[in-house]
Structures are given as C-alpha cells and as structure tokens.
Protein backbone atom coordinates (compact mmCIF):
# COMPACT_ATOMS: atom_id res chain seq x y z
CA MET A 1 141.25 102.53 159.90
CA LEU A 2 139.96 103.28 163.29
CA VAL A 3 141.84 100.65 165.79
CA TYR A 4 139.73 99.78 168.77
CA SER A 5 141.16 98.54 171.76
CA THR A 6 139.18 96.96 174.84
CA VAL A 7 138.87 100.39 176.41
CA HIS A 8 136.16 101.16 173.85
CA PHE A 9 134.51 98.21 174.39
CA VAL A 10 134.33 98.05 178.71
CA PRO A 11 131.68 100.77 179.21
CA MET A 12 128.95 99.14 177.02
CA CYS A 13 129.67 95.48 177.96
CA SER A 14 129.85 96.52 181.89
CA VAL A 15 126.37 98.14 181.17
CA LEU A 16 124.89 95.09 179.59
CA TYR A 17 126.60 92.33 181.87
CA THR A 18 125.19 94.25 184.61
CA HIS A 19 121.60 95.40 183.67
CA CYS A 20 120.90 92.35 181.78
CA VAL A 21 123.27 89.28 181.73
CA VAL A 22 123.52 89.24 185.84
CA LYS A 23 119.41 89.93 185.44
CA LEU A 24 118.72 88.09 182.74
CA GLN A 25 115.65 86.07 184.50
CA GLU A 26 113.99 89.45 185.43
CA VAL A 27 114.49 91.12 182.36
CA LEU A 28 113.37 88.31 180.13
CA GLU A 29 109.90 88.10 182.36
CA CYS A 30 109.51 91.97 181.42
CA HIS A 31 110.86 91.75 177.83
CA ALA A 32 112.00 89.08 175.85
CA GLY A 33 113.00 90.82 173.22
CA THR A 34 115.04 92.98 175.00
CA ALA A 35 116.75 90.24 176.68
CA VAL A 36 118.01 88.63 173.51
CA LEU A 37 118.99 91.91 171.95
CA ALA A 38 120.85 92.41 174.85
CA LEU A 39 122.57 88.97 174.67
CA GLU A 40 123.50 89.20 171.47
CA CYS A 41 125.16 92.67 171.84
CA PHE A 42 127.19 91.43 174.64
CA ASN A 43 128.11 88.17 173.04
CA GLU A 44 129.08 90.19 170.05
CA LEU A 45 131.19 92.51 171.68
CA PHE A 46 132.72 89.77 173.70
CA GLY A 47 133.64 87.94 171.09
CA LEU A 48 135.45 90.72 169.60
CA VAL A 49 137.82 91.09 172.53
CA CYS A 50 138.51 87.48 172.49
CA SER A 51 139.18 87.33 168.27
CA HIS A 52 141.36 90.68 168.37
CA HIS A 53 142.77 91.57 171.43
CA LYS A 54 143.39 87.73 173.40
CA ASP A 55 146.43 89.50 175.19
CA LYS A 56 144.10 91.82 177.05
CA LEU A 57 141.15 89.36 178.04
CA GLY A 58 141.83 89.13 181.71
CA GLN A 59 142.28 92.91 182.20
CA PHE A 60 138.89 93.37 179.99
CA LEU A 61 136.83 90.86 182.28
CA GLY A 62 138.33 92.06 185.57
CA GLU A 63 137.07 95.95 184.13
CA VAL A 64 133.97 94.31 183.30
CA GLY A 65 133.22 92.13 186.55
CA LYS A 66 134.22 95.98 188.65
CA SER A 67 130.71 96.81 187.59
CA LEU A 68 129.05 94.42 189.90
CA LEU A 69 131.14 95.87 192.94
C-alpha cells in the first residue's frame, strides 16, 4: 500500500488555497461551480492531513501559508 505524507498534499493545497480559497469571492463571480469544486478538493485534502498526519499539521499549514508570501 502506498503511504502518502503531507509532502504530497502541500503543492495541491497551496495552489487551491492561493488561487481559490483566498480569492473565493472573485472565483465565485466568474464560475460558482469551479469555486465549489475547488473548496471541496481543499477540504478533502485538509481532512486527510488532519486525520492521518495530525503530528505534521502545523508544518503543513506553514508550508501552504508560504504560498501567499
């Protein structure tokens, strides 16, 4: 069985966070369906990290947050 670490989730969550979550209102105005799907994807990935990698949650959030700098 393949075991994923937060390293695999950071790039995906960074893109979703930077381009969709932070700019949610803008994305909603352009295409509501895309905004909903992006938030669902981000939520699922975040949920996986919270469930299976609780010990790395702080590191994960720090890495995703760096995408705004």
